[in-house]
Protein backbone atom coordinates (compact mmCIF):
# COMPACT_ATOMS: atom_id res chain seq x y z
CA MET A 1 61.24 51.18 -51.83
CA GLN A 2 64.13 49.72 -49.84
CA GLN A 3 64.98 51.63 -46.67
CA ALA A 4 68.46 53.16 -46.68
CA MET A 5 70.86 51.77 -44.10
CA PRO A 6 72.18 54.28 -41.55
CA PRO A 7 75.78 55.40 -42.01
CA VAL A 8 78.38 53.24 -40.29
CA VAL A 9 80.10 54.94 -37.36
CA HIS A 10 83.91 54.92 -37.42
CA ILE A 11 85.93 54.60 -34.20
CA PRO A 12 89.57 55.65 -34.59
CA LEU A 13 92.62 54.68 -32.59
CA LEU A 14 93.70 57.02 -29.83
CA ARG A 15 97.45 57.56 -29.96
CA ARG A 16 98.44 59.58 -26.90
CA GLY A 17 94.77 60.47 -26.66
CA ARG A 18 94.50 61.85 -30.19
CA PRO A 19 92.34 60.24 -32.91
CA TYR A 20 94.11 58.36 -35.69
CA ARG A 21 92.29 56.72 -38.58
CA SER A 22 94.00 53.54 -39.71
CA LEU A 23 93.88 52.09 -43.21
CA ASP A 24 93.27 48.70 -41.58
CA THR A 25 89.71 48.42 -40.25
CA VAL A 26 87.20 45.80 -39.16
CA CYS A 27 83.42 46.03 -39.10
CA THR A 28 81.31 44.80 -36.20
CA PRO A 29 77.70 44.00 -37.19
CA HIS A 30 74.40 44.75 -35.49
CA TYR A 31 73.54 41.70 -33.41
CA ARG A 32 70.04 41.39 -34.90
CA THR A 33 70.30 42.50 -38.53
CA GLY A 34 73.84 41.31 -39.22
CA HIS A 35 74.49 44.51 -41.16
CA PRO A 36 77.77 46.42 -40.58
CA PHE A 37 77.19 48.77 -37.66
CA VAL A 38 80.57 50.15 -36.62
CA GLU A 39 83.90 50.37 -38.41
CA ILE A 40 86.89 50.21 -36.06
CA SER A 41 90.44 51.27 -36.92
CA GLN A 42 92.99 48.56 -36.17
CA ALA A 43 96.47 48.96 -34.72
CA ASN A 44 99.19 46.65 -36.01
CA VAL A 45 102.05 45.35 -33.89
CA GLY A 46 104.57 47.78 -35.37
CA LEU A 47 102.44 50.82 -34.57
CA ILE A 48 101.84 49.66 -31.00
CA ARG A 49 105.52 48.92 -30.49
CA ARG A 50 106.50 52.35 -31.82
CA ASP A 51 103.97 54.22 -29.68
CA LEU A 52 105.07 52.41 -26.52
CA LEU A 53 108.76 53.23 -26.89
CA ASP A 54 108.31 56.26 -24.61
CA GLN A 55 106.08 55.47 -21.63
CA GLU A 56 107.84 57.81 -19.23
CA MET A 57 106.38 61.03 -20.63
CA PRO A 58 102.70 60.15 -20.03
CA ARG A 59 103.51 59.02 -16.48
CA ALA A 60 105.39 62.25 -15.82
CA LEU A 61 102.33 64.24 -16.93
CA LEU A 62 100.07 62.39 -14.50
CA ALA A 63 102.67 62.70 -11.75
CA GLY A 64 102.32 66.47 -12.11
CA PHE A 65 98.80 66.31 -10.65
CA THR A 66 97.94 65.67 -7.02
CA THR A 67 95.63 62.77 -6.21
CA ARG A 68 93.04 65.34 -5.10
CA GLU A 69 93.13 66.93 -8.55
CA LEU A 70 92.74 63.51 -10.21
CA PHE A 71 89.78 62.67 -7.95
CA ALA A 72 88.15 65.95 -8.98
CA MET A 73 88.72 65.09 -12.66
CA CYS A 74 87.09 61.70 -12.13
CA ALA A 75 84.07 63.34 -10.48
CA ARG A 76 83.65 65.70 -13.43
CA ALA A 77 84.15 62.79 -15.84
CA ALA A 78 81.39 60.84 -14.07
CA ASP A 79 78.80 63.44 -15.01
CA LEU A 80 80.18 63.83 -18.53
CA PHE A 81 80.13 60.07 -19.09
CA ALA A 82 76.52 59.71 -17.90
CA ALA A 83 74.89 62.88 -19.16
CA SER A 84 76.84 64.66 -21.92
CA ALA A 85 77.51 64.36 -25.62
CA LEU A 86 81.15 63.34 -26.15
CA PRO A 87 83.35 62.92 -29.24
CA LEU A 88 83.19 59.63 -31.11
CA GLY A 89 85.54 59.77 -34.06
CA ASP A 90 84.25 62.44 -36.47
CA THR A 91 80.88 62.67 -34.75
CA THR A 92 79.48 62.97 -31.24
CA GLN A 93 77.79 60.43 -29.02
CA SER A 94 74.95 61.31 -26.65
CA PRO A 95 74.18 59.11 -23.63
CA GLU A 96 71.20 57.61 -25.48
CA ASP A 97 73.37 57.02 -28.57
CA TYR A 98 75.78 55.15 -26.29
CA VAL A 99 73.00 52.95 -24.87
CA ARG A 100 71.69 52.06 -28.33
CA GLN A 101 75.17 51.44 -29.76
CA VAL A 102 76.33 49.16 -26.93
CA SER A 103 73.07 47.23 -27.25
CA ALA A 104 73.45 46.97 -31.03
CA THR A 105 76.81 45.17 -30.92
CA THR A 106 76.57 43.21 -27.65
CA GLY A 107 72.87 42.34 -27.62
CA LEU A 108 72.44 43.66 -24.08
CA PRO A 109 68.96 45.14 -23.56
CA HIS A 110 68.90 48.90 -23.03
CA VAL A 111 67.95 48.56 -19.38
CA MET A 112 71.10 46.50 -18.69
CA VAL A 113 73.33 48.96 -20.53
CA ARG A 114 71.93 51.78 -18.40
CA ARG A 115 72.58 49.83 -15.21
CA ASN A 116 76.17 49.25 -16.27
CA MET A 117 76.46 52.90 -17.23
CA HIS A 118 75.34 53.88 -13.73
CA LYS A 119 77.86 51.46 -12.26
CA ILE A 120 80.72 53.12 -14.15
CA ARG A 121 79.46 56.60 -13.26
CA THR A 122 79.39 55.62 -9.58
CA VAL A 123 82.99 54.40 -9.63
CA LEU A 124 84.18 57.61 -11.28
CA ALA A 125 82.15 59.80 -8.94
CA GLU A 126 83.29 57.91 -5.83
CA MET A 127 86.91 57.45 -6.93
CA GLU A 128 88.34 58.69 -3.63
CA THR A 129 86.38 56.01 -1.76
CA VAL A 130 87.46 53.37 -4.28
CA VAL A 131 91.14 54.32 -4.03
CA ASN A 132 91.00 54.45 -0.24
CA GLY A 133 89.67 50.89 -0.33
CA LEU A 134 92.40 49.74 -2.69
CA THR A 135 95.14 51.38 -0.61
CA ARG A 136 93.58 50.44 2.74
CA ASN A 137 93.30 54.14 3.65
CA LEU A 138 96.96 54.83 2.99
CA ASP A 139 98.03 58.47 3.29
CA LEU A 140 97.74 59.40 -0.39
CA ARG A 141 100.61 61.86 -0.12
CA VAL A 142 102.62 58.70 -0.81
CA LEU A 143 101.46 58.95 -4.43
CA ASP A 144 102.20 62.67 -4.61
CA THR A 145 105.65 62.77 -3.00
CA GLY A 146 106.78 59.13 -2.96
CA HIS A 147 106.64 58.88 0.82
CA ALA A 148 104.52 59.79 3.84
CA GLU A 149 104.54 58.88 7.53
CA GLY A 150 107.60 56.68 7.17
CA LEU A 151 106.20 54.73 4.20
CA SER A 152 107.37 54.78 0.61
CA TYR A 153 105.95 53.20 -2.54
CA PHE A 154 107.19 53.12 -6.12
CA PRO A 155 105.42 52.24 -9.40
CA ARG A 156 106.04 48.72 -10.69
CA GLY A 157 105.71 49.88 -14.30
CA GLU A 158 105.28 52.99 -16.42
CA SER A 159 101.80 52.10 -17.72
CA LEU A 160 98.94 49.59 -17.47
CA GLY A 161 98.02 47.65 -20.60
CA VAL A 162 94.51 46.18 -20.53
CA VAL A 163 93.04 43.59 -22.92
CA LEU A 164 89.29 43.99 -22.54
CA PRO A 165 86.28 41.70 -23.13
CA SER A 166 83.00 42.29 -24.94
CA ASN A 167 80.55 40.68 -22.53
CA SER A 168 79.42 43.65 -20.41
CA PRO A 169 80.28 47.35 -19.97
CA GLY A 170 80.47 47.12 -16.18
CA VAL A 171 83.87 45.41 -16.34
CA HIS A 172 85.46 48.72 -17.35
CA SER A 173 85.01 50.02 -13.82
CA LEU A 174 87.89 47.72 -12.79
CA TRP A 175 90.67 49.49 -14.73
CA ALA A 176 89.39 53.06 -14.32
CA PRO A 177 91.06 53.60 -10.88
CA ALA A 178 94.48 53.25 -12.54
CA PHE A 179 94.07 56.83 -13.81
CA ALA A 180 93.58 58.15 -10.27
CA LEU A 181 96.62 56.08 -9.26
CA LYS A 182 98.69 58.12 -11.73
CA THR A 183 99.17 55.27 -14.19
CA PRO A 184 98.77 55.85 -17.97
CA LEU A 185 96.38 53.44 -19.69
CA VAL A 186 96.88 51.45 -22.89
CA LEU A 187 93.58 49.78 -23.78
CA LYS A 188 92.76 47.10 -26.30
CA PRO A 189 88.92 47.01 -26.49
CA GLY A 190 86.78 43.98 -27.25
CA ALA A 191 85.57 43.79 -30.85
CA ALA A 192 81.88 43.87 -29.85
CA GLU A 193 82.25 46.49 -27.11
CA PRO A 194 84.55 49.29 -28.32
CA TRP A 195 82.18 51.99 -27.03
CA THR A 196 82.67 52.13 -23.27
CA PRO A 197 86.47 52.48 -22.97
CA TYR A 198 86.44 55.15 -25.68
CA ARG A 199 83.68 57.08 -23.90
CA ILE A 200 85.42 56.86 -20.51
CA ILE A 201 88.63 58.21 -22.05
CA GLN A 202 86.77 61.09 -23.70
CA ALA A 203 84.99 61.91 -20.43
CA LEU A 204 88.31 62.05 -18.57
CA ILE A 205 89.99 64.17 -21.26
CA HIS A 206 87.10 66.64 -21.25
CA ALA A 207 87.30 66.72 -17.46
CA GLY A 208 90.89 67.99 -17.69
CA ALA A 209 93.01 64.83 -17.96
CA PRO A 210 96.07 65.02 -20.26
CA PRO A 211 95.23 63.17 -23.52
CA GLU A 212 98.74 61.68 -23.56
CA ALA A 213 97.77 59.45 -20.62
CA PHE A 214 95.53 57.30 -22.84
CA GLY A 215 96.12 54.83 -25.62
CA TYR A 216 93.22 53.08 -27.35
CA TYR A 217 94.33 50.31 -29.69
CA PRO A 218 91.76 47.96 -31.22
CA ALA A 219 93.89 45.08 -32.47
CA ASP A 220 94.10 41.38 -33.23
CA HIS A 221 95.56 38.77 -30.86
CA ALA A 222 99.13 39.68 -31.82
CA GLY A 223 98.46 43.33 -31.06
CA ALA A 224 96.89 42.46 -27.72
CA ALA A 225 99.90 40.34 -26.77
CA GLU A 226 102.25 43.18 -27.79
CA ILE A 227 100.44 45.56 -25.41
CA LEU A 228 100.78 43.11 -22.53
CA ARG A 229 104.45 42.49 -23.28
CA ARG A 230 105.38 46.16 -23.68
CA CYS A 231 103.55 47.68 -20.73
CA GLY A 232 105.11 47.40 -17.30
CA ARG A 233 101.89 46.01 -15.82
CA GLY A 234 98.90 44.42 -17.49
CA MET A 235 95.37 43.10 -17.08
CA VAL A 236 93.72 40.56 -19.35
CA PHE A 237 90.07 39.49 -19.43
CA GLY A 238 88.80 36.40 -21.18
CA ASP A 239 88.02 32.71 -21.06
CA VAL A 240 90.37 29.95 -19.93
CA SER A 241 92.07 29.53 -23.31
CA SER A 242 92.75 33.24 -23.91
CA THR A 243 94.05 33.93 -20.40
CA ARG A 244 96.10 30.73 -19.97
CA PRO A 245 99.30 32.11 -21.60
CA TRP A 246 99.46 34.85 -18.96
CA GLN A 247 98.68 32.81 -15.85
CA GLY A 248 102.31 32.53 -14.75
CA ASP A 249 103.33 36.11 -15.52
CA PRO A 250 103.43 38.23 -12.33
CA ARG A 251 103.19 41.41 -14.41
CA ILE A 252 99.72 40.45 -15.63
CA GLU A 253 96.55 40.40 -13.53
CA VAL A 254 94.34 37.69 -15.05
CA HIS A 255 90.54 38.01 -14.99
CA GLY A 256 89.17 34.71 -16.25
CA PRO A 257 86.00 32.79 -15.35
CA GLY A 258 84.76 33.55 -11.83
CA TYR A 259 83.03 30.28 -10.84
CA SER A 260 81.15 32.33 -8.24
CA LYS A 261 78.87 30.38 -5.91
CA ILE A 262 76.26 30.41 -3.18
CA ALA A 263 76.99 27.99 -0.34
CA ILE A 264 74.21 27.15 2.10
CA GLY A 265 75.14 25.79 5.52
CA GLU A 266 73.26 23.01 7.23
CA ASP A 267 71.98 25.45 9.86
CA CYS A 268 70.12 27.50 7.21
CA ALA A 269 69.18 24.76 4.74
CA ALA A 270 65.67 24.15 6.14
CA GLU A 271 64.75 27.80 5.54
CA TRP A 272 66.21 27.99 2.02
CA GLU A 273 63.01 29.61 0.69
CA LEU A 274 63.96 32.81 2.54
CA TYR A 275 67.00 33.07 0.28
CA LEU A 276 65.41 32.18 -3.05
CA ASP A 277 65.36 35.79 -4.28
CA VAL A 278 69.09 36.12 -3.52
CA MET A 279 69.83 32.95 -5.47
CA VAL A 280 67.72 34.02 -8.45
CA SER A 281 69.22 37.51 -8.70
CA SER A 282 72.76 36.14 -8.31
CA ILE A 283 72.20 33.85 -11.28
CA LEU A 284 70.08 36.13 -13.48
CA GLU A 285 71.35 39.70 -13.03
CA ASN A 286 73.00 41.23 -16.14
CA SER A 287 71.84 38.20 -18.13
CA GLY A 288 74.36 36.02 -16.29
CA ARG A 289 77.24 37.57 -18.25
CA SER A 290 79.41 38.65 -15.33
CA CYS A 291 82.10 36.62 -13.60
CA ILE A 292 80.40 37.56 -10.32
CA ASN A 293 77.12 35.93 -11.34
CA ALA A 294 76.53 32.71 -9.43
CA SER A 295 77.18 29.64 -11.55
CA GLY A 296 76.55 27.23 -8.68
CA VAL A 297 74.40 26.74 -5.60
CA TRP A 298 76.01 24.29 -3.20
CA ALA A 299 73.66 22.97 -0.55
CA PRO A 300 73.27 20.07 1.90
CA PRO A 301 72.08 16.87 0.16
CA SER A 302 68.82 16.93 2.14
CA HIS A 303 67.59 20.08 0.36
CA ALA A 304 69.51 20.31 -2.93
CA ALA A 305 66.76 18.79 -5.11
CA GLU A 306 63.96 21.03 -3.82
CA ILE A 307 66.18 24.11 -4.19
CA ALA A 308 66.87 23.11 -7.80
CA GLU A 309 63.15 22.69 -8.51
CA ALA A 310 62.28 26.09 -7.01
CA LEU A 311 65.04 27.87 -8.94
CA ALA A 312 63.98 26.15 -12.17
CA ALA A 313 60.36 27.17 -11.70
CA ARG A 314 61.29 30.81 -11.11
CA LEU A 315 63.83 31.09 -13.93
CA ALA A 316 61.68 29.28 -16.47
CA ALA A 317 59.36 32.29 -16.40
CA VAL A 318 62.10 34.44 -17.96
CA VAL A 319 61.57 34.88 -21.69
CA PRO A 320 63.21 36.94 -24.46
CA ARG A 321 61.93 40.50 -24.84
CA ASP A 322 62.58 43.43 -27.14
CA GLU A 323 65.88 45.25 -26.55
CA ALA A 324 63.99 48.42 -25.49
CA ASP A 325 61.69 46.57 -23.05
CA GLU A 326 62.41 47.71 -19.49
CA GLN A 327 61.46 44.23 -18.25
CA ALA A 328 64.11 42.47 -20.37
CA GLN A 329 66.23 40.09 -18.27
CA ILE A 330 68.24 38.09 -20.80
CA ALA A 331 70.35 39.04 -23.79
CA PRO A 332 70.68 37.34 -27.18
CA PHE A 333 73.86 35.92 -28.64
CA ALA A 334 75.25 37.94 -31.53
CA ASN A 335 76.91 34.70 -32.67
CA ARG A 336 74.26 31.99 -33.01
CA ALA A 337 76.91 29.29 -33.50
CA LEU A 338 78.34 30.08 -30.06
CA ALA A 339 74.92 29.69 -28.44
CA GLU A 340 74.48 26.35 -30.22
CA ARG A 341 77.89 25.11 -29.04
CA ILE A 342 77.19 26.07 -25.43
CA SER A 343 73.82 24.31 -25.45
CA GLN A 344 75.33 21.21 -27.03
CA THR A 345 78.11 21.19 -24.42
CA ILE A 346 75.55 21.18 -21.62
CA ASP A 347 73.42 18.50 -23.27
CA GLY A 348 76.49 16.34 -23.79
CA GLU A 349 76.99 16.07 -20.02
CA LEU A 350 73.36 15.36 -19.10
CA ASP A 351 72.18 11.81 -18.53
CA GLY A 352 69.08 12.32 -16.37
CA GLU A 353 70.69 10.65 -13.36
CA SER A 354 74.06 12.13 -12.44
CA ALA A 355 73.03 15.45 -13.99
CA ARG A 356 69.56 16.62 -14.98
CA ASP A 357 68.32 19.84 -16.60
CA VAL A 358 65.59 20.68 -14.10
CA THR A 359 64.35 23.69 -16.08
CA ALA A 360 63.47 21.43 -19.04
CA SER A 361 60.24 20.36 -17.34
CA TYR A 362 59.15 23.94 -16.58
CA ARG A 363 59.81 25.80 -19.82
CA ASP A 364 58.01 25.55 -23.14
CA GLY A 365 60.40 24.41 -25.85
CA PRO A 366 64.17 23.87 -25.95
CA ARG A 367 66.89 25.82 -24.16
CA LEU A 368 68.05 27.39 -27.44
CA ALA A 369 65.25 29.77 -28.45
CA THR A 370 64.74 32.23 -31.30
CA PHE A 371 63.14 35.65 -30.85
CA GLN A 372 63.11 38.45 -33.44
CA GLY A 373 65.48 36.34 -35.50
CA CYS A 374 68.09 36.12 -32.71
CA ALA A 375 69.41 33.19 -30.67
CA TYR A 376 68.80 33.11 -26.92
CA LEU A 377 69.83 30.58 -24.31
CA LEU A 378 67.06 30.37 -21.73
CA PRO A 379 68.03 30.21 -18.04
CA THR A 380 69.09 26.72 -17.07
CA ILE A 381 69.34 24.96 -13.71
CA VAL A 382 71.15 21.62 -13.64
CA LEU A 383 71.02 19.31 -10.63
CA CYS A 384 74.27 17.36 -10.29
CA ASP A 385 74.73 14.32 -8.11
CA SER A 386 78.10 15.37 -6.70
CA PRO A 387 80.84 18.02 -6.85
CA ALA A 388 82.82 15.70 -9.11
CA HIS A 389 80.39 16.02 -12.02
CA PRO A 390 81.77 18.01 -15.01
CA LEU A 391 78.84 20.47 -14.84
CA ALA A 392 79.17 21.08 -11.11
CA ASN A 393 81.82 23.74 -11.60
CA ARG A 394 81.18 25.27 -15.02
CA GLU A 395 80.47 28.79 -16.15
CA PHE A 396 78.64 29.87 -19.29
CA LEU A 397 77.74 33.24 -20.85
CA PHE A 398 74.05 33.13 -19.85
CA PRO A 399 72.02 32.46 -16.68
CA PHE A 400 73.25 28.96 -15.89
CA ALA A 401 73.78 27.40 -12.48
CA SER A 402 74.37 23.93 -11.17
CA VAL A 403 72.83 22.89 -7.86
CA VAL A 404 75.31 20.64 -6.13
CA PRO A 405 74.68 18.49 -3.03
CA VAL A 406 77.67 18.73 -0.70
CA SER A 407 78.22 17.95 2.95
CA GLN A 408 79.21 20.89 5.11
CA ASP A 409 82.39 19.12 6.16
CA ALA A 410 83.56 19.21 2.53
CA LEU A 411 83.28 23.01 2.36
CA PRO A 412 85.12 25.06 1.27
CA ARG A 413 87.61 22.56 -0.17
CA ALA A 414 85.04 21.12 -2.58
CA LEU A 415 84.14 24.54 -4.00
CA GLY A 416 87.46 25.00 -5.77
CA PRO A 417 88.68 28.46 -6.81
CA SER A 418 85.75 30.90 -6.59
CA LEU A 419 85.81 34.62 -7.30
CA VAL A 420 82.81 35.23 -5.03
CA VAL A 421 81.22 32.99 -2.43
CA THR A 422 77.99 34.02 -0.72
CA ALA A 423 77.86 31.90 2.41
CA ILE A 424 74.40 31.60 3.96
CA THR A 425 75.25 30.25 7.38
CA HIS A 426 75.77 31.23 11.02
CA ASP A 427 78.00 28.25 11.74
CA ARG A 428 81.22 29.65 13.21
CA LYS A 429 83.37 26.69 12.23
CA LEU A 430 82.23 26.84 8.61
CA ILE A 431 82.73 30.62 8.51
CA ALA A 432 86.24 30.20 9.93
CA ARG A 433 87.11 27.65 7.23
CA LEU A 434 85.80 29.97 4.50
CA LEU A 435 87.74 32.91 5.92
CA ALA A 436 90.91 30.81 5.92
CA SER A 437 90.44 29.47 2.39
CA PRO A 438 92.85 30.80 -0.26
CA ASP A 439 90.36 29.73 -2.95
CA VAL A 440 87.69 32.26 -1.96
CA GLY A 441 88.38 35.60 -3.64
CA ARG A 442 85.52 37.57 -2.13
CA LEU A 443 83.41 36.34 0.78
CA ASN A 444 79.86 37.52 1.44
CA LEU A 445 78.56 36.37 4.81
CA GLY A 446 74.78 36.30 4.76
CA ALA A 447 72.09 36.79 2.13
CA ILE A 448 74.12 39.08 -0.15
CA PRO A 449 73.78 38.51 -3.92
CA THR A 450 77.10 37.50 -5.47
CA GLN A 451 76.93 40.40 -7.94
CA ARG A 452 76.63 43.09 -5.27
CA ILE A 453 79.90 45.03 -5.19
CA SER A 454 81.28 47.16 -2.39
CA TRP A 455 83.49 49.67 -4.20
CA ASP A 456 85.58 50.47 -1.15
CA GLN A 457 87.05 46.97 -1.41
CA PRO A 458 88.90 45.28 -4.27
CA HIS A 459 86.65 43.28 -6.57
CA GLU A 460 89.32 40.89 -7.82
CA GLY A 461 92.93 41.20 -6.85
CA ASN A 462 94.07 44.65 -5.79
CA LEU A 463 94.91 47.20 -8.46
CA PHE A 464 97.03 49.32 -6.10
CA ASP A 465 99.18 46.33 -5.09
CA HIS A 466 99.44 45.43 -8.77
CA LEU A 467 100.66 48.90 -9.74
CA TYR A 468 102.78 49.84 -6.72
CA ALA A 469 105.33 48.14 -4.45
CA ARG A 470 106.49 49.19 -1.01
CA ARG A 471 110.13 49.93 -0.31
CA ALA A 472 112.07 50.18 2.94
CA PHE A 473 112.39 53.84 3.84
CA GLN A 474 113.94 55.99 6.55
CA ARG A 475 115.16 59.58 6.84
CA GLU A 476 118.13 60.89 8.78
CA ASP A 477 116.18 63.91 10.00
CA SER A 478 113.17 61.92 11.18
CA GLY A 479 114.37 61.47 14.75
CA THR A 480 113.52 58.22 16.43
CA GLU A 481 112.40 55.41 14.26
CA SER A 482 108.63 55.03 14.08
CA PRO A 483 106.97 51.60 14.33
CA ALA A 484 105.90 51.91 10.69
CA GLN A 485 109.51 52.61 9.66
CA ALA A 486 110.83 49.74 11.73
CA GLU A 487 108.30 47.39 10.17
CA SER A 488 109.35 48.45 6.68
CA LEU A 489 113.01 47.52 7.22
CA PRO A 490 114.32 44.10 6.18
CA HIS A 491 115.26 41.75 9.01
CA LYS A 492 117.92 39.07 9.29
CA ARG A 493 116.57 35.59 9.12
C-alpha cells in the first residue's frame, strides 16, 4: 500500500502583517524526495505597488514606541522565535517543525538550522547591544525625539525593502535591527527559505509589535525589483549577476559574494599548524554557505603547498550524513544541476600545474557525490600558483577554498575586495596596511575564524547609517554652542 504524502503547508502573503492567500502560488519541493513540500502565495507587481502607496502610516506606528519598548519587544520575540509555537498560515509551527521545514527545502542538516536559529535568537535578545554597536553608542533619544545632546538624525526613507536569499537562515539577523530602529520592513523571501522571515515577523507581532510594520511578499524578479524601487531604502542579497543592477544605487545596500580570506604573515608562517583548526572551521562552518566563510587562504610561498596539503587531508574526512545526524557538516544541493555546473566550473580551471585540486588525492571518489539520492559537493582545496589565477579569488556555495602563495609586500592589495580578512600576523607594518585598506570590510587580527561575528559591530555596511542621516542642528535656548553642535554645522571651504 502506497504511503500517503503529508499535506502541503501553505504560506500566505503578509499585507500590513495580516495573512492574505493569493490565487497565484508556487510550490517548493523537498530537497530529497522532490515532492511538493510548501505552497507559497505570490505577490504580483500591481499588488506590491498598491500596498506601498502609503508607507508613512507604518512608520508613524513604530515612531509611537520608544527604543526601550522596541528592545523589550525584541527580547520577548527572541524567546518566542526559539521556543514557542507560532502561526504559519492556517496552522501553527513549533520550533521543531521549523527546524525540519527549513531543512526540507534548503537541505541544511538539522544541527545547522538549530545553530542559525540560536544566532537569530541571540540578535533579538541582545538587540540593545546590537543597536549600540550600529549607532556607535549614540544617545538613543535621537530616535525617540529626533535630537539629543546637540545631534539630530532623520530617516532616509519610510521603509526598508529586503530581497532575501535561500542559502542560510542566519542571514536574517542582518535586517532584524531595522525594526528596533523604527523602520517598517517589506520582505521578499527566497523561494527555498520562506520560513525564517515569516517566523521572525510572527514572533515580533506576538511580542507586541504592530502588524502594520511588516510586509511579506514572496514574488518573482519583477516583484523583487518593485520592492527595491518603491521602498526608500533597500537591501539585496544574491550572486554577482542578481546584485549587479543595484551596485550603483545609493539607496540599496548590496550583499553579494564575500570573498572572505585568511592571510598569514611571514612572521607566523612557520607555525601555521597552530592555526589549522581556525582555517578548517572558517572554510567548513555552516557547510561553507555563508559569505563570511573563508574562500581563500593566502600565505607566503614557502609554506603555501604544505598548508594546502594539511587542509585537504582534514577536509577530505568530511562525508555526507543524514539530515538528522548531529555530526553532519555539509549540506546537499536541492538542485543537482547547480552542483554539477559548479563542479564543472572548477574542473575547467584546473590543469595540475597552475591550479591543482589537492583534495582529489585524499578523498575516495569524485568531488560530486551522491548520498540518499541527493547531490553533494565534497570539500575542495585548490592550490593556485599565483593571485592572478581565476580560482584564486572565487566563491562557491560549498566548502571550497583556494590556497594562494603571495608575498607579504603584495598584501593587502592582492587580496582584492574581501568582506572578512582574518590576518594571522604580528607584523606592525602589515597590520597598518590592512587597517588602511578600503577593500577589507571586517578585519580580524589574530586566530579568529572568519565566521565569528561580534554583534556589537556592523557585519557588512552599517544599517543605522543606511537608514538614518545626520543633519546640522542647533537650538536658540541651548546657550553656548557645544563642540558636538559646532562639529555638526557646515563650514565654508
